[in-house]
Amino acid sequence: RASKIDTLLSTLSRRGCRFVFHTKIYNHLLELLDHK
């Protein structure tokens, strides 16, 4: 589901949201995605 989560967070970013990530989920998602 990493790509779907990426899509959601990218959409929210474009709508003006900013994020405070918990370290564990942030690192996990970066490991799964093939792009920045």
PDB file of all heavy atoms in Angstrom:
ATOM      1  N   ARG A   1       0.811  -1.223   0.000  1.00  0.00           N
ATOM      2  CA  ARG A   1       0.000   0.000   0.000  1.00  0.00           C
ATOM      3  C   ARG A   1       0.841   1.267   0.000  1.00  0.00           C
ATOM      4  O   ARG A   1       0.300   2.366   0.087  1.00  0.00           O
ATOM      5  CB  ARG A   1      -0.932   0.002   1.207  1.00  0.00           C
ATOM      6  CG  ARG A   1      -1.830  -1.234   1.277  1.00  0.00           C
ATOM      7  CD  ARG A   1      -2.605  -1.268   2.579  1.00  0.00           C
ATOM      8  NE  ARG A   1      -3.402  -2.490   2.699  1.00  0.00           N
ATOM      9  CZ  ARG A   1      -2.950  -3.638   3.174  1.00  0.00           C
ATOM     10  NH1 ARG A   1      -1.692  -3.738   3.590  1.00  0.00           N
ATOM     11  NH2 ARG A   1      -3.733  -4.699   3.257  1.00  0.00           N
ATOM     12  N   ALA A   2       2.145   1.130  -0.087  1.00  0.00           N
ATOM     13  CA  ALA A   2       3.027   2.295   0.003  1.00  0.00           C
ATOM     14  C   ALA A   2       2.715   3.335  -1.078  1.00  0.00           C
ATOM     15  O   ALA A   2       2.708   4.537  -0.820  1.00  0.00           O
ATOM     16  CB  ALA A   2       4.487   1.859  -0.090  1.00  0.00           C
ATOM     17  N   SER A   3       2.441   2.881  -2.319  1.00  0.00           N
ATOM     18  CA  SER A   3       2.168   3.833  -3.402  1.00  0.00           C
ATOM     19  C   SER A   3       0.875   4.599  -3.156  1.00  0.00           C
ATOM     20  O   SER A   3       0.773   5.790  -3.479  1.00  0.00           O
ATOM     21  CB  SER A   3       2.112   3.098  -4.742  1.00  0.00           C
ATOM     22  OG  SER A   3       1.056   2.152  -4.757  1.00  0.00           O
ATOM     23  N   LYS A   4      -0.121   3.925  -2.577  1.00  0.00           N
ATOM     24  CA  LYS A   4      -1.381   4.602  -2.267  1.00  0.00           C
ATOM     25  C   LYS A   4      -1.186   5.627  -1.154  1.00  0.00           C
ATOM     26  O   LYS A   4      -1.769   6.723  -1.194  1.00  0.00           O
ATOM     27  CB  LYS A   4      -2.445   3.582  -1.875  1.00  0.00           C
ATOM     28  CG  LYS A   4      -2.861   2.665  -3.015  1.00  0.00           C
ATOM     29  CD  LYS A   4      -3.946   1.686  -2.578  1.00  0.00           C
ATOM     30  CE  LYS A   4      -4.354   0.783  -3.736  1.00  0.00           C
ATOM     31  NZ  LYS A   4      -5.411  -0.183  -3.332  1.00  0.00           N
ATOM     32  N   ILE A   5      -0.380   5.276  -0.164  1.00  0.00           N
ATOM     33  CA  ILE A   5      -0.093   6.223   0.918  1.00  0.00           C
ATOM     34  C   ILE A   5       0.676   7.416   0.369  1.00  0.00           C
ATOM     35  O   ILE A   5       0.409   8.575   0.723  1.00  0.00           O
ATOM     36  CB  ILE A   5       0.696   5.527   2.041  1.00  0.00           C
ATOM     37  CG1 ILE A   5      -0.157   4.420   2.677  1.00  0.00           C
ATOM     38  CG2 ILE A   5       1.126   6.533   3.108  1.00  0.00           C
ATOM     39  CD1 ILE A   5       0.600   3.543   3.649  1.00  0.00           C
ATOM     40  N   ASP A   6       1.622   7.154  -0.516  1.00  0.00           N
ATOM     41  CA  ASP A   6       2.379   8.230  -1.156  1.00  0.00           C
ATOM     42  C   ASP A   6       1.442   9.170  -1.905  1.00  0.00           C
ATOM     43  O   ASP A   6       1.564  10.399  -1.823  1.00  0.00           O
ATOM     44  CB  ASP A   6       3.407   7.613  -2.109  1.00  0.00           C
ATOM     45  CG  ASP A   6       4.181   8.650  -2.900  1.00  0.00           C
ATOM     46  OD1 ASP A   6       4.450   9.748  -2.367  1.00  0.00           O
ATOM     47  OD2 ASP A   6       4.523   8.370  -4.078  1.00  0.00           O
ATOM     48  N   THR A   7       0.491   8.602  -2.653  1.00  0.00           N
ATOM     49  CA  THR A   7      -0.468   9.419  -3.396  1.00  0.00           C
ATOM     50  C   THR A   7      -1.288  10.294  -2.457  1.00  0.00           C
ATOM     51  O   THR A   7      -1.493  11.493  -2.706  1.00  0.00           O
ATOM     52  CB  THR A   7      -1.407   8.526  -4.222  1.00  0.00           C
ATOM     53  OG1 THR A   7      -0.639   7.770  -5.163  1.00  0.00           O
ATOM     54  CG2 THR A   7      -2.447   9.363  -4.964  1.00  0.00           C
ATOM     55  N   LEU A   8      -1.746   9.711  -1.356  1.00  0.00           N
ATOM     56  CA  LEU A   8      -2.535  10.459  -0.383  1.00  0.00           C
ATOM     57  C   LEU A   8      -1.734  11.616   0.202  1.00  0.00           C
ATOM     58  O   LEU A   8      -2.202  12.768   0.250  1.00  0.00           O
ATOM     59  CB  LEU A   8      -3.006   9.528   0.731  1.00  0.00           C
ATOM     60  CG  LEU A   8      -3.670  10.195   1.948  1.00  0.00           C
ATOM     61  CD1 LEU A   8      -4.925  10.942   1.541  1.00  0.00           C
ATOM     62  CD2 LEU A   8      -3.970   9.155   3.023  1.00  0.00           C
ATOM     63  N   LEU A   9      -0.516  11.341   0.646  1.00  0.00           N
ATOM     64  CA  LEU A   9       0.287  12.383   1.282  1.00  0.00           C
ATOM     65  C   LEU A   9       0.709  13.457   0.283  1.00  0.00           C
ATOM     66  O   LEU A   9       0.781  14.647   0.625  1.00  0.00           O
ATOM     67  CB  LEU A   9       1.520  11.745   1.933  1.00  0.00           C
ATOM     68  CG  LEU A   9       1.223  10.736   3.056  1.00  0.00           C
ATOM     69  CD1 LEU A   9       2.515  10.152   3.611  1.00  0.00           C
ATOM     70  CD2 LEU A   9       0.402  11.383   4.179  1.00  0.00           C
ATOM     71  N   SER A  10       0.965  13.063  -0.956  1.00  0.00           N
ATOM     72  CA  SER A  10       1.310  14.046  -1.994  1.00  0.00           C
ATOM     73  C   SER A  10       0.110  14.949  -2.288  1.00  0.00           C
ATOM     74  O   SER A  10       0.260  16.168  -2.467  1.00  0.00           O
ATOM     75  CB  SER A  10       1.772  13.338  -3.262  1.00  0.00           C
ATOM     76  OG  SER A  10       2.955  12.600  -3.031  1.00  0.00           O
ATOM     77  N   THR A  11      -1.088  14.351  -2.343  1.00  0.00           N
ATOM     78  CA  THR A  11      -2.301  15.142  -2.572  1.00  0.00           C
ATOM     79  C   THR A  11      -2.520  16.136  -1.446  1.00  0.00           C
ATOM     80  O   THR A  11      -2.823  17.317  -1.675  1.00  0.00           O
ATOM     81  CB  THR A  11      -3.526  14.215  -2.694  1.00  0.00           C
ATOM     82  OG1 THR A  11      -3.333  13.326  -3.786  1.00  0.00           O
ATOM     83  CG2 THR A  11      -4.794  15.028  -2.912  1.00  0.00           C
ATOM     84  N   LEU A  12      -2.360  15.683  -0.211  1.00  0.00           N
ATOM     85  CA  LEU A  12      -2.526  16.571   0.940  1.00  0.00           C
ATOM     86  C   LEU A  12      -1.477  17.683   0.936  1.00  0.00           C
ATOM     87  O   LEU A  12      -1.776  18.833   1.292  1.00  0.00           O
ATOM     88  CB  LEU A  12      -2.446  15.769   2.239  1.00  0.00           C
ATOM     89  CG  LEU A  12      -3.620  14.841   2.538  1.00  0.00           C
ATOM     90  CD1 LEU A  12      -3.320  13.962   3.752  1.00  0.00           C
ATOM     91  CD2 LEU A  12      -4.909  15.623   2.771  1.00  0.00           C
ATOM     92  N   SER A  13      -0.258  17.356   0.514  1.00  0.00           N
ATOM     93  CA  SER A  13       0.793  18.381   0.433  1.00  0.00           C
ATOM     94  C   SER A  13       0.413  19.460  -0.563  1.00  0.00           C
ATOM     95  O   SER A  13       0.579  20.666  -0.301  1.00  0.00           O
ATOM     96  CB  SER A  13       2.132  17.738   0.038  1.00  0.00           C
ATOM     97  OG  SER A  13       2.619  16.900   1.053  1.00  0.00           O
ATOM     98  N   ARG A  14      -0.114  19.058  -1.715  1.00  0.00           N
ATOM     99  CA  ARG A  14      -0.521  20.034  -2.722  1.00  0.00           C
ATOM    100  C   ARG A  14      -1.678  20.891  -2.246  1.00  0.00           C
ATOM    101  O   ARG A  14      -1.829  22.039  -2.697  1.00  0.00           O
ATOM    102  CB  ARG A  14      -0.883  19.316  -4.035  1.00  0.00           C
ATOM    103  CG  ARG A  14       0.310  18.699  -4.754  1.00  0.00           C
ATOM    104  CD  ARG A  14      -0.055  18.281  -6.159  1.00  0.00           C
ATOM    105  NE  ARG A  14      -1.039  17.201  -6.167  1.00  0.00           N
ATOM    106  CZ  ARG A  14      -0.736  15.909  -6.134  1.00  0.00           C
ATOM    107  NH1 ARG A  14       0.539  15.535  -6.073  1.00  0.00           N
ATOM    108  NH2 ARG A  14      -1.681  14.990  -6.162  1.00  0.00           N
ATOM    109  N   ARG A  15      -2.474  20.339  -1.333  1.00  0.00           N
ATOM    110  CA  ARG A  15      -3.607  21.105  -0.780  1.00  0.00           C
ATOM    111  C   ARG A  15      -3.196  21.990   0.395  1.00  0.00           C
ATOM    112  O   ARG A  15      -4.023  22.645   1.006  1.00  0.00           O
ATOM    113  CB  ARG A  15      -4.709  20.140  -0.345  1.00  0.00           C
ATOM    114  CG  ARG A  15      -5.366  19.362  -1.480  1.00  0.00           C
ATOM    115  CD  ARG A  15      -6.289  20.225  -2.311  1.00  0.00           C
ATOM    116  NE  ARG A  15      -7.428  20.692  -1.555  1.00  0.00           N
ATOM    117  CZ  ARG A  15      -8.623  20.096  -1.554  1.00  0.00           C
ATOM    118  NH1 ARG A  15      -8.804  18.984  -2.244  1.00  0.00           N
ATOM    119  NH2 ARG A  15      -9.631  20.603  -0.862  1.00  0.00           N
ATOM    120  N   GLY A  16      -1.900  21.991   0.708  1.00  0.00           N
ATOM    121  CA  GLY A  16      -1.409  22.911   1.729  1.00  0.00           C
ATOM    122  C   GLY A  16      -1.104  22.288   3.074  1.00  0.00           C
ATOM    123  O   GLY A  16      -0.811  23.012   4.031  1.00  0.00           O
ATOM    124  N   CYS A  17      -1.129  20.972   3.179  1.00  0.00           N
ATOM    125  CA  CYS A  17      -0.811  20.318   4.447  1.00  0.00           C
ATOM    126  C   CYS A  17       0.704  20.172   4.607  1.00  0.00           C
ATOM    127  O   CYS A  17       1.435  20.045   3.632  1.00  0.00           O
ATOM    128  CB  CYS A  17      -1.440  18.925   4.513  1.00  0.00           C
ATOM    129  SG  CYS A  17      -3.225  18.926   4.672  1.00  0.00           S
ATOM    130  N   ARG A  18       1.129  20.172   5.845  1.00  0.00           N
ATOM    131  CA  ARG A  18       2.507  19.807   6.158  1.00  0.00           C
ATOM    132  C   ARG A  18       2.468  18.720   7.227  1.00  0.00           C
ATOM    133  O   ARG A  18       1.486  18.605   7.967  1.00  0.00           O
ATOM    134  CB  ARG A  18       3.308  21.015   6.625  1.00  0.00           C
ATOM    135  CG  ARG A  18       2.790  21.678   7.889  1.00  0.00           C
ATOM    136  CD  ARG A  18       3.666  22.860   8.246  1.00  0.00           C
ATOM    137  NE  ARG A  18       3.243  23.453   9.516  1.00  0.00           N
ATOM    138  CZ  ARG A  18       3.871  24.459  10.125  1.00  0.00           C
ATOM    139  NH1 ARG A  18       4.953  24.972   9.575  1.00  0.00           N
ATOM    140  NH2 ARG A  18       3.434  24.925  11.270  1.00  0.00           N
ATOM    141  N   PHE A  19       3.544  17.953   7.313  1.00  0.00           N
ATOM    142  CA  PHE A  19       3.488  16.734   8.116  1.00  0.00           C
ATOM    143  C   PHE A  19       4.551  16.679   9.202  1.00  0.00           C
ATOM    144  O   PHE A  19       5.699  17.083   8.998  1.00  0.00           O
ATOM    145  CB  PHE A  19       3.652  15.502   7.221  1.00  0.00           C
ATOM    146  CG  PHE A  19       2.660  15.434   6.103  1.00  0.00           C
ATOM    147  CD1 PHE A  19       3.077  15.511   4.783  1.00  0.00           C
ATOM    148  CD2 PHE A  19       1.306  15.316   6.361  1.00  0.00           C
ATOM    149  CE1 PHE A  19       2.170  15.455   3.748  1.00  0.00           C
ATOM    150  CE2 PHE A  19       0.387  15.258   5.329  1.00  0.00           C
ATOM    151  CZ  PHE A  19       0.814  15.327   4.018  1.00  0.00           C
ATOM    152  N   VAL A  20       4.114  16.152  10.348  1.00  0.00           N
ATOM    153  CA  VAL A  20       5.021  15.703  11.400  1.00  0.00           C
ATOM    154  C   VAL A  20       4.979  14.182  11.363  1.00  0.00           C
ATOM    155  O   VAL A  20       3.959  13.585  11.712  1.00  0.00           O
ATOM    156  CB  VAL A  20       4.597  16.222  12.783  1.00  0.00           C
ATOM    157  CG1 VAL A  20       5.512  15.649  13.866  1.00  0.00           C
ATOM    158  CG2 VAL A  20       4.594  17.744  12.833  1.00  0.00           C
ATOM    159  N   PHE A  21       6.047  13.548  10.911  1.00  0.00           N
ATOM    160  CA  PHE A  21       6.099  12.096  10.782  1.00  0.00           C
ATOM    161  C   PHE A  21       6.677  11.467  12.041  1.00  0.00           C
ATOM    162  O   PHE A  21       7.651  11.971  12.611  1.00  0.00           O
ATOM    163  CB  PHE A  21       6.986  11.685   9.606  1.00  0.00           C
ATOM    164  CG  PHE A  21       6.318  11.690   8.271  1.00  0.00           C
ATOM    165  CD1 PHE A  21       6.365  12.812   7.468  1.00  0.00           C
ATOM    166  CD2 PHE A  21       5.658  10.560   7.817  1.00  0.00           C
ATOM    167  CE1 PHE A  21       5.768  12.811   6.217  1.00  0.00           C
ATOM    168  CE2 PHE A  21       5.053  10.548   6.570  1.00  0.00           C
ATOM    169  CZ  PHE A  21       5.101  11.678   5.771  1.00  0.00           C
ATOM    170  N   HIS A  22       6.095  10.323  12.440  1.00  0.00           N
ATOM    171  CA  HIS A  22       6.809   9.491  13.396  1.00  0.00           C
ATOM    172  C   HIS A  22       7.946   8.822  12.635  1.00  0.00           C
ATOM    173  O   HIS A  22       7.778   8.376  11.488  1.00  0.00           O
ATOM    174  CB  HIS A  22       5.894   8.438  14.011  1.00  0.00           C
ATOM    175  CG  HIS A  22       6.524   7.712  15.155  1.00  0.00           C
ATOM    176  ND1 HIS A  22       7.394   6.664  14.973  1.00  0.00           N
ATOM    177  CD2 HIS A  22       6.432   7.905  16.507  1.00  0.00           C
ATOM    178  CE1 HIS A  22       7.802   6.229  16.153  1.00  0.00           C
ATOM    179  NE2 HIS A  22       7.245   6.961  17.103  1.00  0.00           N
ATOM    180  N   THR A  23       9.100   8.730  13.265  1.00  0.00           N
ATOM    181  CA  THR A  23      10.311   8.245  12.603  1.00  0.00           C
ATOM    182  C   THR A  23      10.127   6.882  11.952  1.00  0.00           C
ATOM    183  O   THR A  23      10.576   6.640  10.817  1.00  0.00           O
ATOM    184  CB  THR A  23      11.470   8.175  13.618  1.00  0.00           C
ATOM    185  OG1 THR A  23      11.632   9.461  14.229  1.00  0.00           O
ATOM    186  CG2 THR A  23      12.762   7.759  12.935  1.00  0.00           C
ATOM    187  N   LYS A  24       9.456   5.968  12.640  1.00  0.00           N
ATOM    188  CA  LYS A  24       9.373   4.589  12.151  1.00  0.00           C
ATOM    189  C   LYS A  24       8.586   4.486  10.854  1.00  0.00           C
ATOM    190  O   LYS A  24       9.008   3.817   9.910  1.00  0.00           O
ATOM    191  CB  LYS A  24       8.766   3.698  13.229  1.00  0.00           C
ATOM    192  CG  LYS A  24       9.666   3.499  14.437  1.00  0.00           C
ATOM    193  CD  LYS A  24       9.034   2.592  15.486  1.00  0.00           C
ATOM    194  CE  LYS A  24       9.960   2.381  16.666  1.00  0.00           C
ATOM    195  NZ  LYS A  24       9.353   1.506  17.708  1.00  0.00           N
ATOM    196  N   ILE A  25       7.422   5.157  10.760  1.00  0.00           N
ATOM    197  CA  ILE A  25       6.635   5.056   9.537  1.00  0.00           C
ATOM    198  C   ILE A  25       7.319   5.820   8.405  1.00  0.00           C
ATOM    199  O   ILE A  25       7.288   5.395   7.239  1.00  0.00           O
ATOM    200  CB  ILE A  25       5.175   5.551   9.748  1.00  0.00           C
ATOM    201  CG1 ILE A  25       4.357   5.376   8.472  1.00  0.00           C
ATOM    202  CG2 ILE A  25       5.133   6.988  10.215  1.00  0.00           C
ATOM    203  CD1 ILE A  25       4.230   3.948   7.987  1.00  0.00           C
ATOM    204  N   TYR A  26       7.982   6.927   8.735  1.00  0.00           N
ATOM    205  CA  TYR A  26       8.689   7.696   7.703  1.00  0.00           C
ATOM    206  C   TYR A  26       9.787   6.845   7.060  1.00  0.00           C
ATOM    207  O   TYR A  26       9.867   6.733   5.826  1.00  0.00           O
ATOM    208  CB  TYR A  26       9.288   8.958   8.325  1.00  0.00           C
ATOM    209  CG  TYR A  26      10.069   9.802   7.347  1.00  0.00           C
ATOM    210  CD1 TYR A  26       9.418  10.594   6.401  1.00  0.00           C
ATOM    211  CD2 TYR A  26      11.467   9.809   7.364  1.00  0.00           C
ATOM    212  CE1 TYR A  26      10.136  11.378   5.495  1.00  0.00           C
ATOM    213  CE2 TYR A  26      12.184  10.585   6.470  1.00  0.00           C
ATOM    214  CZ  TYR A  26      11.512  11.360   5.542  1.00  0.00           C
ATOM    215  OH  TYR A  26      12.225  12.125   4.645  1.00  0.00           O
ATOM    216  N   ASN A  27      10.625   6.229   7.873  1.00  0.00           N
ATOM    217  CA  ASN A  27      11.710   5.404   7.338  1.00  0.00           C
ATOM    218  C   ASN A  27      11.174   4.192   6.584  1.00  0.00           C
ATOM    219  O   ASN A  27      11.736   3.782   5.563  1.00  0.00           O
ATOM    220  CB  ASN A  27      12.632   4.950   8.475  1.00  0.00           C
ATOM    221  CG  ASN A  27      13.438   6.092   9.056  1.00  0.00           C
ATOM    222  OD1 ASN A  27      13.663   7.118   8.405  1.00  0.00           O
ATOM    223  ND2 ASN A  27      13.886   5.935  10.298  1.00  0.00           N
ATOM    224  N   HIS A  28      10.090   3.618   7.091  1.00  0.00           N
ATOM    225  CA  HIS A  28       9.496   2.453   6.424  1.00  0.00           C
ATOM    226  C   HIS A  28       9.009   2.808   5.022  1.00  0.00           C
ATOM    227  O   HIS A  28       9.269   2.078   4.060  1.00  0.00           O
ATOM    228  CB  HIS A  28       8.339   1.933   7.270  1.00  0.00           C
ATOM    229  CG  HIS A  28       7.588   0.782   6.669  1.00  0.00           C
ATOM    230  ND1 HIS A  28       8.174  -0.437   6.395  1.00  0.00           N
ATOM    231  CD2 HIS A  28       6.284   0.664   6.270  1.00  0.00           C
ATOM    232  CE1 HIS A  28       7.279  -1.249   5.869  1.00  0.00           C
ATOM    233  NE2 HIS A  28       6.130  -0.603   5.772  1.00  0.00           N
ATOM    234  N   LEU A  29       8.323   3.930   4.898  1.00  0.00           N
ATOM    235  CA  LEU A  29       7.809   4.336   3.591  1.00  0.00           C
ATOM    236  C   LEU A  29       8.944   4.662   2.621  1.00  0.00           C
ATOM    237  O   LEU A  29       8.877   4.322   1.430  1.00  0.00           O
ATOM    238  CB  LEU A  29       6.867   5.529   3.744  1.00  0.00           C
ATOM    239  CG  LEU A  29       5.533   5.236   4.438  1.00  0.00           C
ATOM    240  CD1 LEU A  29       4.745   6.526   4.657  1.00  0.00           C
ATOM    241  CD2 LEU A  29       4.694   4.234   3.641  1.00  0.00           C
ATOM    242  N   LEU A  30      10.002   5.310   3.117  1.00  0.00           N
ATOM    243  CA  LEU A  30      11.133   5.623   2.233  1.00  0.00           C
ATOM    244  C   LEU A  30      11.787   4.361   1.710  1.00  0.00           C
ATOM    245  O   LEU A  30      12.259   4.319   0.559  1.00  0.00           O
ATOM    246  CB  LEU A  30      12.159   6.476   2.987  1.00  0.00           C
ATOM    247  CG  LEU A  30      11.778   7.919   3.300  1.00  0.00           C
ATOM    248  CD1 LEU A  30      12.967   8.662   3.873  1.00  0.00           C
ATOM    249  CD2 LEU A  30      11.241   8.653   2.073  1.00  0.00           C
ATOM    250  N   GLU A  31      11.833   3.307   2.532  1.00  0.00           N
ATOM    251  CA  GLU A  31      12.411   2.045   2.092  1.00  0.00           C
ATOM    252  C   GLU A  31      11.573   1.388   0.994  1.00  0.00           C
ATOM    253  O   GLU A  31      12.112   0.692   0.127  1.00  0.00           O
ATOM    254  CB  GLU A  31      12.534   1.087   3.273  1.00  0.00           C
ATOM    255  CG  GLU A  31      13.592   1.485   4.294  1.00  0.00           C
ATOM    256  CD  GLU A  31      13.578   0.571   5.509  1.00  0.00           C
ATOM    257  OE1 GLU A  31      12.699  -0.332   5.563  1.00  0.00           O
ATOM    258  OE2 GLU A  31      14.428   0.745   6.397  1.00  0.00           O
ATOM    259  N   LEU A  32      10.265   1.603   1.018  1.00  0.00           N
ATOM    260  CA  LEU A  32       9.369   0.938   0.076  1.00  0.00           C
ATOM    261  C   LEU A  32       9.230   1.680  -1.248  1.00  0.00           C
ATOM    262  O   LEU A  32       8.968   1.061  -2.284  1.00  0.00           O
ATOM    263  CB  LEU A  32       7.981   0.773   0.709  1.00  0.00           C
ATOM    264  CG  LEU A  32       7.893  -0.139   1.945  1.00  0.00           C
ATOM    265  CD1 LEU A  32       6.474  -0.128   2.507  1.00  0.00           C
ATOM    266  CD2 LEU A  32       8.311  -1.571   1.599  1.00  0.00           C
ATOM    267  N   LEU A  33       9.401   2.995  -1.228  1.00  0.00           N
ATOM    268  CA  LEU A  33       9.194   3.787  -2.440  1.00  0.00           C
ATOM    269  C   LEU A  33      10.465   3.818  -3.287  1.00  0.00           C
ATOM    270  O   LEU A  33      11.582   3.812  -2.766  1.00  0.00           O
ATOM    271  CB  LEU A  33       8.783   5.213  -2.069  1.00  0.00           C
ATOM    272  CG  LEU A  33       7.427   5.349  -1.349  1.00  0.00           C
ATOM    273  CD1 LEU A  33       7.206   6.781  -0.890  1.00  0.00           C
ATOM    274  CD2 LEU A  33       6.287   4.903  -2.272  1.00  0.00           C
ATOM    275  N   ASP A  34      10.291   3.856  -4.605  1.00  0.00           N
ATOM    276  CA  ASP A  34      11.437   3.870  -5.516  1.00  0.00           C
ATOM    277  C   ASP A  34      11.744   5.276  -6.015  1.00  0.00           C
ATOM    278  O   ASP A  34      12.433   5.463  -7.024  1.00  0.00           O
ATOM    279  CB  ASP A  34      11.196   2.937  -6.703  1.00  0.00           C
ATOM    280  CG  ASP A  34       9.926   3.300  -7.477  1.00  0.00           C
ATOM    281  OD1 ASP A  34       9.283   4.318  -7.114  1.00  0.00           O
ATOM    282  OD2 ASP A  34       9.582   2.560  -8.421  1.00  0.00           O
ATOM    283  N   HIS A  35      11.232   6.291  -5.320  1.00  0.00           N
ATOM    284  CA  HIS A  35      11.486   7.667  -5.709  1.00  0.00           C
ATOM    285  C   HIS A  35      11.444   8.547  -4.456  1.00  0.00           C
ATOM    286  O   HIS A  35      10.968   8.120  -3.408  1.00  0.00           O
ATOM    287  CB  HIS A  35      10.435   8.160  -6.710  1.00  0.00           C
ATOM    288  CG  HIS A  35       9.039   8.158  -6.143  1.00  0.00           C
ATOM    289  ND1 HIS A  35       8.265   7.013  -6.113  1.00  0.00           N
ATOM    290  CD2 HIS A  35       8.295   9.131  -5.558  1.00  0.00           C
ATOM    291  CE1 HIS A  35       7.100   7.292  -5.555  1.00  0.00           C
ATOM    292  NE2 HIS A  35       7.092   8.569  -5.200  1.00  0.00           N
ATOM    293  N   LYS A  36      11.949   9.742  -4.583  1.00  0.00           N
ATOM    294  CA  LYS A  36      11.896  10.687  -3.478  1.00  0.00           C
ATOM    295  C   LYS A  36      10.516  11.336  -3.447  1.00  0.00           C
ATOM    296  O   LYS A  36      10.100  11.976  -4.411  1.00  0.00           O
ATOM    297  CB  LYS A  36      12.980  11.754  -3.639  1.00  0.00           C
ATOM    298  CG  LYS A  36      13.022  12.735  -2.467  1.00  0.00           C
ATOM    299  CD  LYS A  36      14.128  13.765  -2.646  1.00  0.00           C
ATOM    300  CE  LYS A  36      14.157  14.731  -1.469  1.00  0.00           C
ATOM    301  NZ  LYS A  36      15.230  15.748  -1.633  1.00  0.00           N
TER     302      LYS A  36
END
